[in-house]
Amino acid sequence: MREGLAGLLEQGGYEVVGQAGDGAELMRLVREREPDLAITDIRMPPGHRTEGLEAARMIREEFSDMAVLILSAHVEVVHAMTLLASGRRTGYLLKSRVADLDEFLDAVERVCRGSSVVDPALVQELVATRDAADPLEELTRREREVLALMAEGRSNAGISRRLWITEGTVEKHVHSILTKLRLPETDDDHRRVLAVVTFLDAHQTD
């Protein structure tokens, strides 16, 4: 898996400065070489539990500006939210997403640029678990589509291109969504993403 990822990144024009077999080695490499981006699996040797997630937390604490992308075999809501709440330039993707080279490299690029990237499968799971009293019931179908793309980390321009609507229309939908969900408006795309995803996660765990 590591060799495959390294090859994909090099194919996409990135320089791979090191590979690690466990969390301790990953931290050593990060401290020595201070890369722009660290990619890790949630589960790493020796225990194959949350070693990669712990390493991601340490990286975020020691190198607040370093981009971190974490991979997982399955949707793990709590772990994903823990990572995303740690700061900007963070991403959570399922390993199956790596098979689509363009989509994977797009996620890497967006994380490196400062966005949060959330796997669409996580967004779908959170939205699907809302209950009858959930404020999401107030949203229109189009607003839900915009919300899902917001939670993936898409900018208004990206949402506009994906849904074939104008940026002005997207802005109106975002304003309506934030109003209905009682979320404060902000010019910080990252805070907007975290607010929406955290809100959904709160209802998922009720």
Protein backbone atom coordinates (compact mmCIF):
# COMPACT_ATOMS: atom_id res chain seq x y z
CA MET A 1 0.00 0.00 0.00
CA ARG A 2 2.81 2.42 0.90
CA GLU A 3 4.70 1.73 -2.31
CA GLY A 4 1.53 2.15 -4.32
CA LEU A 5 0.72 5.49 -2.69
CA ALA A 6 4.27 6.70 -3.20
CA GLY A 7 4.05 5.80 -6.87
CA LEU A 8 0.73 7.61 -7.29
CA LEU A 9 2.07 10.73 -5.60
CA GLU A 10 5.20 10.77 -7.72
CA GLN A 11 3.06 10.25 -10.80
CA GLY A 12 1.08 13.32 -9.72
CA GLY A 13 4.24 15.42 -9.48
CA TYR A 14 4.89 15.20 -5.73
CA GLU A 15 8.25 14.41 -4.15
CA VAL A 16 8.05 11.58 -1.61
CA VAL A 17 10.68 12.25 1.07
CA GLY A 18 10.12 9.15 3.18
CA GLN A 19 8.00 6.12 4.04
CA ALA A 20 7.21 4.75 7.49
CA GLY A 21 6.10 1.33 8.70
CA ASP A 22 4.69 2.42 12.06
CA GLY A 23 3.69 5.51 14.02
CA ALA A 24 7.05 5.98 15.73
CA GLU A 25 8.94 5.87 12.44
CA LEU A 26 6.44 8.29 10.92
CA MET A 27 7.04 10.80 13.71
CA ARG A 28 10.81 10.44 13.33
CA LEU A 29 10.62 11.15 9.60
CA VAL A 30 8.24 14.09 10.10
CA ARG A 31 10.55 15.68 12.66
CA GLU A 32 13.65 15.14 10.54
CA ARG A 33 12.30 16.22 7.16
CA GLU A 34 9.24 18.38 7.95
CA PRO A 35 7.31 17.57 4.76
CA ASP A 36 4.46 19.70 3.45
CA LEU A 37 2.10 16.73 3.78
CA ALA A 38 1.96 13.58 5.90
CA ILE A 39 -0.30 10.70 4.84
CA THR A 40 -1.09 7.97 7.37
CA ASP A 41 -3.41 5.03 7.94
CA ILE A 42 -5.61 5.14 11.04
CA ARG A 43 -4.40 1.64 11.96
CA MET A 44 -0.65 1.01 11.92
CA PRO A 45 1.74 -1.54 13.48
CA PRO A 46 2.32 -2.82 16.05
CA GLY A 47 -1.24 -2.91 17.40
CA HIS A 48 -3.20 -1.98 14.25
CA ARG A 49 -5.63 0.06 16.35
CA THR A 50 -5.30 3.87 16.28
CA GLU A 51 -1.53 4.32 16.01
CA GLY A 52 -1.82 6.35 12.82
CA LEU A 53 -4.49 8.59 14.32
CA GLU A 54 -2.32 9.22 17.36
CA ALA A 55 0.60 10.09 15.08
CA ALA A 56 -1.67 12.51 13.18
CA ARG A 57 -2.61 14.20 16.47
CA MET A 58 1.06 14.56 17.42
CA ILE A 59 1.90 15.99 14.01
CA ARG A 60 -0.89 18.53 14.37
CA GLU A 61 0.34 19.53 17.84
CA GLU A 62 4.00 19.89 16.82
CA PHE A 63 3.58 21.16 13.25
CA SER A 64 0.35 23.13 13.09
CA ASP A 65 0.88 24.18 9.46
CA MET A 66 1.66 20.70 8.13
CA ALA A 67 -1.06 19.10 5.99
CA VAL A 68 -2.30 15.73 7.26
CA LEU A 69 -4.32 13.19 5.26
CA ILE A 70 -5.50 10.07 7.03
CA LEU A 71 -6.75 6.93 5.30
CA SER A 72 -9.16 4.31 6.61
CA ALA A 73 -10.52 1.01 5.33
CA HIS A 74 -14.00 1.78 6.69
CA VAL A 75 -16.03 4.82 7.70
CA GLU A 76 -15.12 5.55 11.33
CA VAL A 77 -17.10 8.61 12.37
CA VAL A 78 -15.53 9.27 15.77
CA HIS A 79 -11.97 8.95 14.46
CA ALA A 80 -12.75 11.12 11.45
CA MET A 81 -14.28 13.85 13.57
CA THR A 82 -11.32 13.76 15.98
CA LEU A 83 -8.95 14.43 13.11
CA LEU A 84 -11.06 17.08 11.40
CA ALA A 85 -11.52 18.98 14.65
CA SER A 86 -7.74 19.26 15.01
CA GLY A 87 -7.33 22.08 12.52
CA ARG A 88 -7.07 23.18 8.90
CA ARG A 89 -5.16 21.32 6.16
CA THR A 90 -6.64 17.99 7.24
CA GLY A 91 -8.34 15.23 5.30
CA TYR A 92 -10.07 11.88 5.82
CA LEU A 93 -10.44 9.44 2.92
CA LEU A 94 -11.40 5.81 2.54
CA LYS A 95 -8.65 3.67 1.03
CA SER A 96 -11.00 2.71 -1.79
CA ARG A 97 -10.93 6.35 -2.91
CA VAL A 98 -7.24 6.00 -3.75
CA ALA A 99 -8.16 3.75 -6.68
CA ASP A 100 -9.42 6.83 -8.54
CA LEU A 101 -6.14 8.62 -9.23
CA ASP A 102 -7.66 11.94 -10.26
CA GLU A 103 -9.95 12.04 -7.23
CA PHE A 104 -7.12 11.08 -4.87
CA LEU A 105 -4.72 13.68 -6.26
CA ASP A 106 -7.48 16.30 -6.15
CA ALA A 107 -7.98 15.55 -2.44
CA VAL A 108 -4.22 15.76 -1.81
CA GLU A 109 -4.04 19.11 -3.60
CA ARG A 110 -6.98 20.56 -1.68
CA VAL A 111 -5.54 19.49 1.69
CA CYS A 112 -2.16 20.98 0.76
CA ARG A 113 -3.87 24.25 -0.21
CA GLY A 114 -5.45 24.52 3.24
CA SER A 115 -8.88 22.93 2.89
CA SER A 116 -10.48 20.16 4.91
CA VAL A 117 -11.36 17.10 2.85
CA VAL A 118 -14.03 14.65 4.01
CA ASP A 119 -14.79 11.39 2.22
CA PRO A 120 -18.25 11.53 0.62
CA ALA A 121 -19.10 8.18 2.26
CA LEU A 122 -18.74 9.77 5.68
CA VAL A 123 -21.01 12.65 4.68
CA GLN A 124 -23.63 10.24 3.34
CA GLU A 125 -23.56 8.18 6.54
CA LEU A 126 -24.03 11.23 8.73
CA VAL A 127 -26.88 12.60 6.63
CA ALA A 128 -28.60 9.19 6.43
CA THR A 129 -28.75 8.85 10.21
CA ARG A 130 -30.67 12.06 10.95
CA ASP A 131 -33.85 11.57 13.01
CA ALA A 132 -37.33 12.99 12.50
CA ALA A 133 -36.66 15.98 14.75
CA ASP A 134 -33.45 16.90 12.97
CA PRO A 135 -33.27 20.48 11.60
CA LEU A 136 -31.97 18.97 8.35
CA GLU A 137 -35.62 18.20 7.62
CA GLU A 138 -36.05 21.93 6.96
CA LEU A 139 -33.56 21.88 4.09
CA THR A 140 -34.66 21.60 0.49
CA ARG A 141 -33.27 18.88 -1.76
CA ARG A 142 -30.88 21.34 -3.42
CA GLU A 143 -29.73 22.66 -0.04
CA ARG A 144 -28.92 19.11 1.03
CA GLU A 145 -26.85 18.64 -2.10
CA VAL A 146 -24.98 21.86 -1.35
CA LEU A 147 -24.55 20.82 2.31
CA ALA A 148 -23.03 17.48 1.33
CA LEU A 149 -20.52 19.20 -0.96
CA MET A 150 -19.74 21.79 1.73
CA ALA A 151 -19.01 18.98 4.17
CA GLU A 152 -16.63 17.40 1.63
CA GLY A 153 -14.63 20.63 1.75
CA ARG A 154 -15.75 22.09 -1.59
CA SER A 155 -15.55 25.84 -2.10
CA ASN A 156 -18.51 27.78 -3.48
CA ALA A 157 -16.81 27.73 -6.88
CA GLY A 158 -16.35 23.96 -6.65
CA ILE A 159 -19.98 23.46 -5.67
CA SER A 160 -21.03 25.70 -8.55
CA ARG A 161 -19.12 23.57 -11.05
CA ARG A 162 -20.37 20.29 -9.58
CA LEU A 163 -24.07 21.27 -9.58
CA TRP A 164 -24.01 23.42 -12.73
CA ILE A 165 -25.37 26.50 -10.95
CA THR A 166 -23.93 29.99 -10.51
CA GLU A 167 -21.74 30.94 -7.56
CA GLY A 168 -24.35 33.51 -6.60
CA THR A 169 -26.95 30.77 -6.32
CA VAL A 170 -24.55 28.69 -4.22
CA GLU A 171 -24.02 31.65 -1.87
CA LYS A 172 -27.78 31.98 -1.42
CA HIS A 173 -28.11 28.28 -0.63
CA VAL A 174 -25.20 28.45 1.86
CA HIS A 175 -26.79 31.45 3.58
CA SER A 176 -30.11 29.60 3.82
CA ILE A 177 -28.42 26.44 5.16
CA LEU A 178 -26.51 28.33 7.84
CA THR A 179 -29.66 30.16 8.85
CA LYS A 180 -31.79 27.01 9.10
CA LEU A 181 -29.08 25.13 11.01
CA ARG A 182 -28.48 28.15 13.27
CA LEU A 183 -24.79 28.23 12.35
CA PRO A 184 -22.94 31.57 12.30
CA GLU A 185 -21.83 32.87 8.94
CA THR A 186 -18.05 33.10 8.40
CA ASP A 187 -15.63 33.85 5.59
CA ASP A 188 -13.42 30.95 6.74
CA ASP A 189 -14.24 27.94 4.54
CA HIS A 190 -12.53 25.60 6.99
CA ARG A 191 -14.65 26.74 9.93
CA ARG A 192 -17.73 26.42 7.77
CA VAL A 193 -16.87 22.81 6.93
CA LEU A 194 -16.15 21.90 10.55
CA ALA A 195 -19.33 23.57 11.75
CA VAL A 196 -21.48 21.63 9.30
CA VAL A 197 -19.79 18.25 9.79
CA THR A 198 -19.68 18.62 13.57
CA PHE A 199 -23.36 19.49 13.57
CA LEU A 200 -24.20 16.37 11.58
CA ASP A 201 -21.99 14.22 13.80
CA ALA A 202 -23.76 15.49 16.93
CA HIS A 203 -27.05 14.19 15.58
CA GLN A 204 -25.44 10.96 14.44
CA THR A 205 -24.33 10.19 17.99
CA ASP A 206 -27.52 11.27 19.82
